[in-house]
């Protein structure tokens, strides 16, 4: 579970070196299911909070990431970015991440309406906000890409 995020797994591995390493003899066997990793409950809560916030920042539908995408790219650009994200979510979900497949189905059924028009869709964003949105996108990718 903790290896599904490079950012969270990297942080846990930096704090406790070798905690997430798996012996070569145990790879691909049932022995992996019996390995218990002693973690503080706040570590687990922080991990799930990081994953949920990263998924919420994906540029699809009416999520926070969808609104950021709408502001950055406009309505037509947002549709293309959302389509690419939908395809990536589906492929990532089919390839092994149940969380991404669940979020894909959630967004398809409950978040696929058009966004409510913003008060000001004409003005461009200033460069500092574009940099902040780009940094946020990088953190989302680091969080959702497995180790």
N, C-alpha and C. Protein backbone atom coordinates (compact mmCIF):
# COMPACT_ATOMS: atom_id res chain seq x y z
N UNK A 1 0.82 -1.19 0.00
CA UNK A 1 0.00 0.00 0.00
C UNK A 1 0.86 1.26 0.00
N UNK A 2 1.90 1.27 0.80
CA UNK A 2 2.73 2.47 0.90
C UNK A 2 3.61 2.69 -0.32
N UNK A 3 3.77 1.67 -1.15
CA UNK A 3 4.59 1.81 -2.35
C UNK A 3 3.78 2.37 -3.52
N UNK A 4 2.49 2.68 -3.33
CA UNK A 4 1.68 3.23 -4.41
C UNK A 4 1.91 4.71 -4.61
N UNK A 5 2.73 5.33 -3.79
CA UNK A 5 3.04 6.75 -3.93
C UNK A 5 4.54 6.95 -3.80
N UNK A 6 5.15 7.54 -4.82
CA UNK A 6 6.59 7.79 -4.72
C UNK A 6 6.89 8.87 -3.69
N UNK A 7 6.04 9.87 -3.58
CA UNK A 7 6.29 10.95 -2.63
C UNK A 7 6.14 10.45 -1.19
N UNK A 8 5.02 9.83 -0.89
CA UNK A 8 4.79 9.35 0.48
C UNK A 8 5.76 8.22 0.83
N UNK A 9 5.99 7.30 -0.09
CA UNK A 9 6.95 6.23 0.16
C UNK A 9 8.36 6.77 0.34
N UNK A 10 8.71 7.78 -0.43
CA UNK A 10 10.02 8.40 -0.30
C UNK A 10 10.20 9.10 1.04
N UNK A 11 9.14 9.76 1.49
CA UNK A 11 9.20 10.43 2.80
C UNK A 11 9.34 9.40 3.92
N UNK A 12 8.55 8.33 3.84
CA UNK A 12 8.62 7.29 4.87
C UNK A 12 10.00 6.61 4.84
N UNK A 13 10.53 6.38 3.64
CA UNK A 13 11.84 5.75 3.52
C UNK A 13 12.95 6.69 4.00
N UNK A 14 12.78 8.00 3.84
CA UNK A 14 13.78 8.95 4.32
C UNK A 14 13.78 9.03 5.84
N UNK A 15 12.61 8.95 6.44
CA UNK A 15 12.52 9.02 7.90
C UNK A 15 12.98 7.72 8.53
N UNK A 16 12.60 6.59 7.94
CA UNK A 16 12.95 5.27 8.45
C UNK A 16 13.62 4.47 7.33
N UNK A 17 14.92 4.62 7.09
CA UNK A 17 15.56 3.95 5.96
C UNK A 17 15.43 2.43 6.04
N UNK A 18 15.09 1.84 4.90
CA UNK A 18 15.00 0.39 4.80
C UNK A 18 13.68 -0.18 5.25
N UNK A 19 12.77 0.65 5.71
CA UNK A 19 11.49 0.14 6.21
C UNK A 19 10.64 -0.46 5.10
N UNK A 20 10.70 0.14 3.92
CA UNK A 20 9.86 -0.33 2.82
C UNK A 20 10.59 -1.28 1.87
N UNK A 21 11.83 -1.62 2.18
CA UNK A 21 12.56 -2.54 1.30
C UNK A 21 12.06 -3.96 1.50
N UNK A 22 11.97 -4.67 0.39
CA UNK A 22 11.46 -6.05 0.41
C UNK A 22 12.62 -6.98 0.07
N UNK A 23 12.82 -8.04 0.82
CA UNK A 23 13.89 -8.99 0.48
C UNK A 23 13.64 -9.62 -0.89
N UNK A 24 14.72 -9.87 -1.62
CA UNK A 24 14.59 -10.42 -2.97
C UNK A 24 13.90 -11.78 -2.97
N UNK A 25 14.08 -12.57 -1.93
CA UNK A 25 13.47 -13.89 -1.88
C UNK A 25 11.95 -13.82 -1.71
N UNK A 26 11.46 -12.70 -1.19
CA UNK A 26 10.02 -12.58 -0.93
C UNK A 26 9.24 -12.00 -2.10
N UNK A 27 9.93 -11.50 -3.12
CA UNK A 27 9.23 -10.90 -4.26
C UNK A 27 8.37 -11.93 -4.98
N UNK A 28 7.11 -11.58 -5.22
CA UNK A 28 6.22 -12.45 -5.98
C UNK A 28 5.71 -13.65 -5.21
N UNK A 29 5.85 -13.67 -3.91
CA UNK A 29 5.37 -14.82 -3.13
C UNK A 29 4.29 -14.36 -2.16
N UNK A 30 3.73 -15.33 -1.46
CA UNK A 30 2.71 -15.03 -0.46
C UNK A 30 3.33 -14.45 0.82
N UNK A 31 4.65 -14.50 0.91
CA UNK A 31 5.31 -13.98 2.11
C UNK A 31 5.12 -12.48 2.26
N UNK A 32 4.88 -11.78 1.15
CA UNK A 32 4.67 -10.34 1.22
C UNK A 32 3.41 -9.98 1.98
N UNK A 33 2.39 -10.82 1.90
CA UNK A 33 1.15 -10.50 2.60
C UNK A 33 1.29 -10.64 4.10
N UNK A 34 2.29 -11.34 4.57
CA UNK A 34 2.49 -11.52 6.00
C UNK A 34 3.42 -10.51 6.63
N UNK A 35 3.97 -9.60 5.85
CA UNK A 35 4.91 -8.62 6.38
C UNK A 35 4.13 -7.47 7.03
N UNK A 36 4.39 -7.21 8.29
CA UNK A 36 3.78 -6.09 9.01
C UNK A 36 4.81 -4.98 9.14
N UNK A 37 4.41 -3.76 8.82
CA UNK A 37 5.29 -2.60 8.95
C UNK A 37 4.79 -1.77 10.12
N UNK A 38 5.60 -1.60 11.15
CA UNK A 38 5.15 -0.81 12.31
C UNK A 38 5.19 0.69 11.98
N UNK A 39 4.02 1.31 11.91
CA UNK A 39 3.92 2.74 11.63
C UNK A 39 3.02 3.41 12.66
N UNK A 40 3.30 4.66 12.91
CA UNK A 40 2.46 5.45 13.80
C UNK A 40 1.13 5.73 13.09
N UNK A 41 0.02 5.78 13.80
CA UNK A 41 -1.27 6.05 13.16
C UNK A 41 -1.32 7.39 12.41
N UNK A 42 -0.58 8.38 12.88
CA UNK A 42 -0.56 9.66 12.17
C UNK A 42 0.13 9.54 10.82
N UNK A 43 1.08 8.62 10.69
CA UNK A 43 1.72 8.38 9.40
C UNK A 43 0.70 7.84 8.40
N UNK A 44 -0.10 6.92 8.85
CA UNK A 44 -1.12 6.33 7.96
C UNK A 44 -2.17 7.38 7.61
N UNK A 45 -2.60 8.18 8.59
CA UNK A 45 -3.57 9.24 8.32
C UNK A 45 -3.00 10.28 7.35
N UNK A 46 -1.74 10.63 7.53
CA UNK A 46 -1.10 11.57 6.61
C UNK A 46 -0.98 11.01 5.20
N UNK A 47 -0.68 9.72 5.11
CA UNK A 47 -0.59 9.06 3.80
C UNK A 47 -1.93 9.11 3.07
N UNK A 48 -3.00 8.74 3.76
CA UNK A 48 -4.31 8.76 3.11
C UNK A 48 -4.75 10.18 2.78
N UNK A 49 -4.43 11.13 3.64
CA UNK A 49 -4.75 12.53 3.35
C UNK A 49 -4.01 13.02 2.12
N UNK A 50 -2.76 12.64 1.98
CA UNK A 50 -1.97 13.02 0.81
C UNK A 50 -2.55 12.42 -0.46
N UNK A 51 -2.94 11.15 -0.40
CA UNK A 51 -3.51 10.49 -1.59
C UNK A 51 -4.86 11.10 -1.97
N UNK A 52 -5.72 11.36 -1.02
CA UNK A 52 -7.04 11.91 -1.32
C UNK A 52 -6.92 13.32 -1.89
N UNK A 53 -6.05 14.14 -1.32
CA UNK A 53 -5.87 15.49 -1.85
C UNK A 53 -5.25 15.48 -3.23
N UNK A 54 -4.34 14.55 -3.49
CA UNK A 54 -3.74 14.45 -4.81
C UNK A 54 -4.77 14.04 -5.85
N UNK A 55 -5.63 13.11 -5.49
CA UNK A 55 -6.68 12.68 -6.43
C UNK A 55 -7.67 13.82 -6.68
N UNK A 56 -7.96 14.60 -5.65
CA UNK A 56 -8.88 15.73 -5.81
C UNK A 56 -8.28 16.81 -6.72
N UNK A 57 -6.97 16.87 -6.83
CA UNK A 57 -6.32 17.88 -7.67
C UNK A 57 -6.10 17.41 -9.11
N UNK A 58 -6.60 16.23 -9.46
CA UNK A 58 -6.52 15.80 -10.86
C UNK A 58 -7.45 16.67 -11.70
N UNK A 59 -7.02 17.07 -12.90
CA UNK A 59 -7.83 18.00 -13.70
C UNK A 59 -8.99 17.34 -14.43
N UNK A 60 -9.98 16.88 -13.69
CA UNK A 60 -11.16 16.27 -14.29
C UNK A 60 -12.41 16.80 -13.60
N UNK A 61 -13.49 16.90 -14.35
CA UNK A 61 -14.80 17.21 -13.80
C UNK A 61 -14.85 18.49 -13.00
N UNK A 62 -15.61 18.45 -11.92
CA UNK A 62 -15.81 19.63 -11.09
C UNK A 62 -14.99 19.55 -9.80
N UNK A 63 -13.87 18.85 -9.85
CA UNK A 63 -12.98 18.78 -8.69
C UNK A 63 -12.13 20.05 -8.62
N UNK A 64 -11.31 20.16 -7.59
CA UNK A 64 -10.43 21.33 -7.47
C UNK A 64 -9.47 21.41 -8.66
N UNK A 65 -8.93 20.27 -9.08
CA UNK A 65 -8.03 20.25 -10.22
C UNK A 65 -8.74 20.64 -11.52
N UNK A 66 -10.01 20.27 -11.64
CA UNK A 66 -10.78 20.67 -12.81
C UNK A 66 -10.97 22.17 -12.87
N UNK A 67 -11.17 22.79 -11.74
CA UNK A 67 -11.32 24.25 -11.70
C UNK A 67 -10.00 24.95 -11.99
N UNK A 68 -8.90 24.39 -11.50
CA UNK A 68 -7.58 24.95 -11.81
C UNK A 68 -7.32 24.83 -13.31
N UNK A 69 -7.66 23.67 -13.88
CA UNK A 69 -7.49 23.45 -15.31
C UNK A 69 -8.34 24.41 -16.14
N UNK A 70 -9.55 24.66 -15.69
CA UNK A 70 -10.43 25.60 -16.39
C UNK A 70 -9.83 26.99 -16.39
N UNK A 71 -9.24 27.39 -15.28
CA UNK A 71 -8.64 28.71 -15.19
C UNK A 71 -7.38 28.80 -16.06
N UNK A 72 -6.59 27.73 -16.09
CA UNK A 72 -5.35 27.75 -16.86
C UNK A 72 -5.58 27.67 -18.37
N UNK A 73 -6.44 26.75 -18.81
CA UNK A 73 -6.54 26.43 -20.23
C UNK A 73 -7.81 26.91 -20.90
N UNK A 74 -8.78 27.41 -20.16
CA UNK A 74 -10.05 27.79 -20.76
C UNK A 74 -10.93 26.56 -20.95
N UNK A 75 -12.11 26.77 -21.48
CA UNK A 75 -13.07 25.66 -21.61
C UNK A 75 -12.64 24.61 -22.62
N UNK A 76 -12.14 25.01 -23.77
CA UNK A 76 -11.76 24.01 -24.79
C UNK A 76 -10.51 23.24 -24.38
N UNK A 77 -9.55 23.91 -23.77
CA UNK A 77 -8.34 23.23 -23.32
C UNK A 77 -8.60 22.29 -22.17
N UNK A 78 -9.55 22.64 -21.33
CA UNK A 78 -9.90 21.79 -20.20
C UNK A 78 -10.49 20.48 -20.66
N UNK A 79 -11.27 20.49 -21.73
CA UNK A 79 -11.86 19.25 -22.24
C UNK A 79 -10.77 18.29 -22.70
N UNK A 80 -9.74 18.80 -23.37
CA UNK A 80 -8.64 17.95 -23.83
C UNK A 80 -7.84 17.41 -22.64
N UNK A 81 -7.53 18.27 -21.68
CA UNK A 81 -6.78 17.83 -20.50
C UNK A 81 -7.59 16.81 -19.70
N UNK A 82 -8.90 17.02 -19.59
CA UNK A 82 -9.75 16.07 -18.86
C UNK A 82 -9.80 14.72 -19.57
N UNK A 83 -9.87 14.75 -20.90
CA UNK A 83 -9.88 13.49 -21.65
C UNK A 83 -8.59 12.71 -21.44
N UNK A 84 -7.45 13.41 -21.49
CA UNK A 84 -6.17 12.74 -21.25
C UNK A 84 -6.09 12.19 -19.82
N UNK A 85 -6.64 12.93 -18.87
CA UNK A 85 -6.63 12.46 -17.49
C UNK A 85 -7.55 11.26 -17.32
N UNK A 86 -8.73 11.28 -17.97
CA UNK A 86 -9.63 10.14 -17.91
C UNK A 86 -8.96 8.88 -18.45
N UNK A 87 -8.29 9.01 -19.58
CA UNK A 87 -7.60 7.86 -20.18
C UNK A 87 -6.51 7.36 -19.24
N UNK A 88 -5.75 8.28 -18.66
CA UNK A 88 -4.68 7.90 -17.73
C UNK A 88 -5.25 7.22 -16.48
N UNK A 89 -6.36 7.75 -15.97
CA UNK A 89 -6.99 7.13 -14.79
C UNK A 89 -7.46 5.72 -15.11
N UNK A 90 -8.07 5.55 -16.28
CA UNK A 90 -8.57 4.22 -16.64
C UNK A 90 -7.42 3.23 -16.82
N UNK A 91 -6.38 3.65 -17.52
CA UNK A 91 -5.24 2.75 -17.74
C UNK A 91 -4.56 2.43 -16.40
N UNK A 92 -4.35 3.44 -15.56
CA UNK A 92 -3.76 3.21 -14.25
C UNK A 92 -4.61 2.31 -13.38
N UNK A 93 -5.93 2.44 -13.49
CA UNK A 93 -6.83 1.60 -12.72
C UNK A 93 -6.84 0.17 -13.19
N UNK A 94 -6.81 -0.02 -14.51
CA UNK A 94 -6.81 -1.38 -15.05
C UNK A 94 -5.47 -2.07 -14.78
N UNK A 95 -4.40 -1.30 -14.78
CA UNK A 95 -3.08 -1.88 -14.57
C UNK A 95 -2.80 -2.23 -13.11
N UNK A 96 -3.69 -1.88 -12.18
CA UNK A 96 -3.45 -2.37 -10.84
C UNK A 96 -3.84 -1.45 -9.70
N UNK A 97 -4.19 -0.20 -9.93
CA UNK A 97 -4.53 0.67 -8.82
C UNK A 97 -6.05 0.75 -8.67
N UNK A 98 -6.56 0.11 -7.64
CA UNK A 98 -8.01 0.13 -7.41
C UNK A 98 -8.50 1.54 -7.09
N UNK A 99 -7.65 2.33 -6.43
CA UNK A 99 -8.02 3.69 -6.07
C UNK A 99 -8.28 4.54 -7.31
N UNK A 100 -7.42 4.44 -8.32
CA UNK A 100 -7.60 5.21 -9.55
C UNK A 100 -8.83 4.75 -10.32
N UNK A 101 -9.08 3.44 -10.34
CA UNK A 101 -10.27 2.93 -11.03
C UNK A 101 -11.54 3.37 -10.32
N UNK A 102 -11.54 3.37 -8.99
CA UNK A 102 -12.69 3.86 -8.24
C UNK A 102 -12.93 5.34 -8.52
N UNK A 103 -11.86 6.13 -8.51
CA UNK A 103 -12.02 7.57 -8.77
C UNK A 103 -12.48 7.82 -10.20
N UNK A 104 -12.00 7.02 -11.15
CA UNK A 104 -12.45 7.14 -12.55
C UNK A 104 -13.95 6.93 -12.63
N UNK A 105 -14.46 5.87 -12.00
CA UNK A 105 -15.90 5.62 -12.06
C UNK A 105 -16.68 6.68 -11.31
N UNK A 106 -16.15 7.18 -10.20
CA UNK A 106 -16.81 8.24 -9.45
C UNK A 106 -16.95 9.50 -10.29
N UNK A 107 -15.88 9.89 -10.95
CA UNK A 107 -15.92 11.11 -11.76
C UNK A 107 -16.84 10.95 -12.96
N UNK A 108 -16.83 9.79 -13.58
CA UNK A 108 -17.70 9.54 -14.74
C UNK A 108 -19.17 9.68 -14.33
N UNK A 109 -19.55 9.12 -13.19
CA UNK A 109 -20.96 9.11 -12.81
C UNK A 109 -21.42 10.36 -12.07
N UNK A 110 -20.55 10.99 -11.28
CA UNK A 110 -21.02 12.07 -10.42
C UNK A 110 -20.39 13.43 -10.69
N UNK A 111 -19.30 13.51 -11.42
CA UNK A 111 -18.61 14.78 -11.60
C UNK A 111 -18.49 15.21 -13.06
N UNK A 112 -19.27 14.66 -13.94
CA UNK A 112 -19.05 14.92 -15.37
C UNK A 112 -19.87 16.08 -15.93
N UNK A 113 -20.61 16.80 -15.10
CA UNK A 113 -21.35 17.94 -15.63
C UNK A 113 -20.40 19.07 -15.98
N UNK A 114 -20.91 20.02 -16.75
CA UNK A 114 -20.10 21.19 -17.10
C UNK A 114 -19.95 22.08 -15.87
N UNK A 115 -18.85 22.78 -15.84
CA UNK A 115 -18.56 23.67 -14.72
C UNK A 115 -19.43 24.92 -14.82
N UNK A 116 -19.82 25.43 -13.68
CA UNK A 116 -20.58 26.68 -13.63
C UNK A 116 -19.68 27.80 -14.14
N UNK A 117 -20.20 28.69 -14.98
CA UNK A 117 -19.34 29.77 -15.50
C UNK A 117 -18.76 30.63 -14.36
N UNK A 118 -17.51 31.00 -14.55
CA UNK A 118 -16.85 31.83 -13.56
C UNK A 118 -17.25 33.28 -13.76
N UNK A 119 -17.01 34.08 -12.75
CA UNK A 119 -17.37 35.48 -12.83
C UNK A 119 -16.50 36.20 -13.88
N UNK A 120 -15.24 35.82 -13.98
CA UNK A 120 -14.34 36.46 -14.93
C UNK A 120 -13.54 35.39 -15.64
N UNK A 121 -13.95 35.01 -16.84
CA UNK A 121 -13.23 34.01 -17.62
C UNK A 121 -12.39 34.63 -18.72
N UNK A 122 -12.32 35.94 -18.77
CA UNK A 122 -11.64 36.62 -19.86
C UNK A 122 -10.18 36.89 -19.52
N UNK A 123 -9.91 37.36 -18.32
CA UNK A 123 -8.54 37.72 -17.93
C UNK A 123 -7.67 36.48 -17.80
N UNK A 124 -6.40 36.64 -18.16
CA UNK A 124 -5.43 35.56 -18.01
C UNK A 124 -4.91 35.53 -16.58
N UNK A 125 -4.36 34.38 -16.21
CA UNK A 125 -3.74 34.26 -14.90
C UNK A 125 -2.36 34.89 -14.93
N UNK A 126 -1.93 35.44 -13.80
CA UNK A 126 -0.57 35.96 -13.75
C UNK A 126 0.42 34.80 -13.62
N UNK A 127 1.67 35.09 -13.90
CA UNK A 127 2.69 34.05 -14.01
C UNK A 127 2.94 33.33 -12.68
N UNK A 128 2.83 34.02 -11.57
CA UNK A 128 3.07 33.36 -10.28
C UNK A 128 2.03 32.27 -10.02
N UNK A 129 0.80 32.49 -10.42
CA UNK A 129 -0.23 31.47 -10.24
C UNK A 129 -0.05 30.30 -11.20
N UNK A 130 0.48 30.58 -12.38
CA UNK A 130 0.78 29.49 -13.31
C UNK A 130 1.89 28.61 -12.73
N UNK A 131 2.91 29.24 -12.14
CA UNK A 131 3.98 28.47 -11.49
C UNK A 131 3.45 27.65 -10.32
N UNK A 132 2.56 28.22 -9.54
CA UNK A 132 1.97 27.50 -8.41
C UNK A 132 1.14 26.31 -8.90
N UNK A 133 0.38 26.49 -9.96
CA UNK A 133 -0.41 25.39 -10.52
C UNK A 133 0.50 24.31 -11.09
N UNK A 134 1.60 24.69 -11.70
CA UNK A 134 2.55 23.72 -12.25
C UNK A 134 3.22 22.93 -11.11
N UNK A 135 3.61 23.62 -10.05
CA UNK A 135 4.21 22.93 -8.90
C UNK A 135 3.21 21.97 -8.27
N UNK A 136 1.96 22.37 -8.21
CA UNK A 136 0.92 21.49 -7.67
C UNK A 136 0.75 20.25 -8.54
N UNK A 137 0.79 20.44 -9.86
CA UNK A 137 0.69 19.30 -10.78
C UNK A 137 1.85 18.33 -10.62
N UNK A 138 3.04 18.85 -10.40
CA UNK A 138 4.21 17.99 -10.19
C UNK A 138 4.04 17.19 -8.89
N UNK A 139 3.56 17.84 -7.83
CA UNK A 139 3.34 17.13 -6.57
C UNK A 139 2.26 16.05 -6.72
N UNK A 140 1.23 16.33 -7.50
CA UNK A 140 0.19 15.32 -7.74
C UNK A 140 0.78 14.12 -8.46
N UNK A 141 1.60 14.37 -9.48
CA UNK A 141 2.22 13.26 -10.20
C UNK A 141 3.15 12.46 -9.31
N UNK A 142 3.94 13.15 -8.49
CA UNK A 142 4.84 12.44 -7.57
C UNK A 142 4.06 11.61 -6.56
N UNK A 143 2.90 12.09 -6.18
CA UNK A 143 2.10 11.36 -5.20
C UNK A 143 1.44 10.13 -5.81
N UNK A 144 0.96 10.25 -7.04
CA UNK A 144 0.17 9.15 -7.62
C UNK A 144 0.98 8.13 -8.40
N UNK A 145 2.21 8.46 -8.75
CA UNK A 145 3.05 7.49 -9.48
C UNK A 145 3.67 6.54 -8.46
N UNK A 146 3.51 5.23 -8.64
CA UNK A 146 4.04 4.29 -7.65
C UNK A 146 5.56 4.26 -7.64
N UNK A 147 6.10 3.77 -6.51
CA UNK A 147 7.56 3.64 -6.36
C UNK A 147 8.11 2.57 -7.27
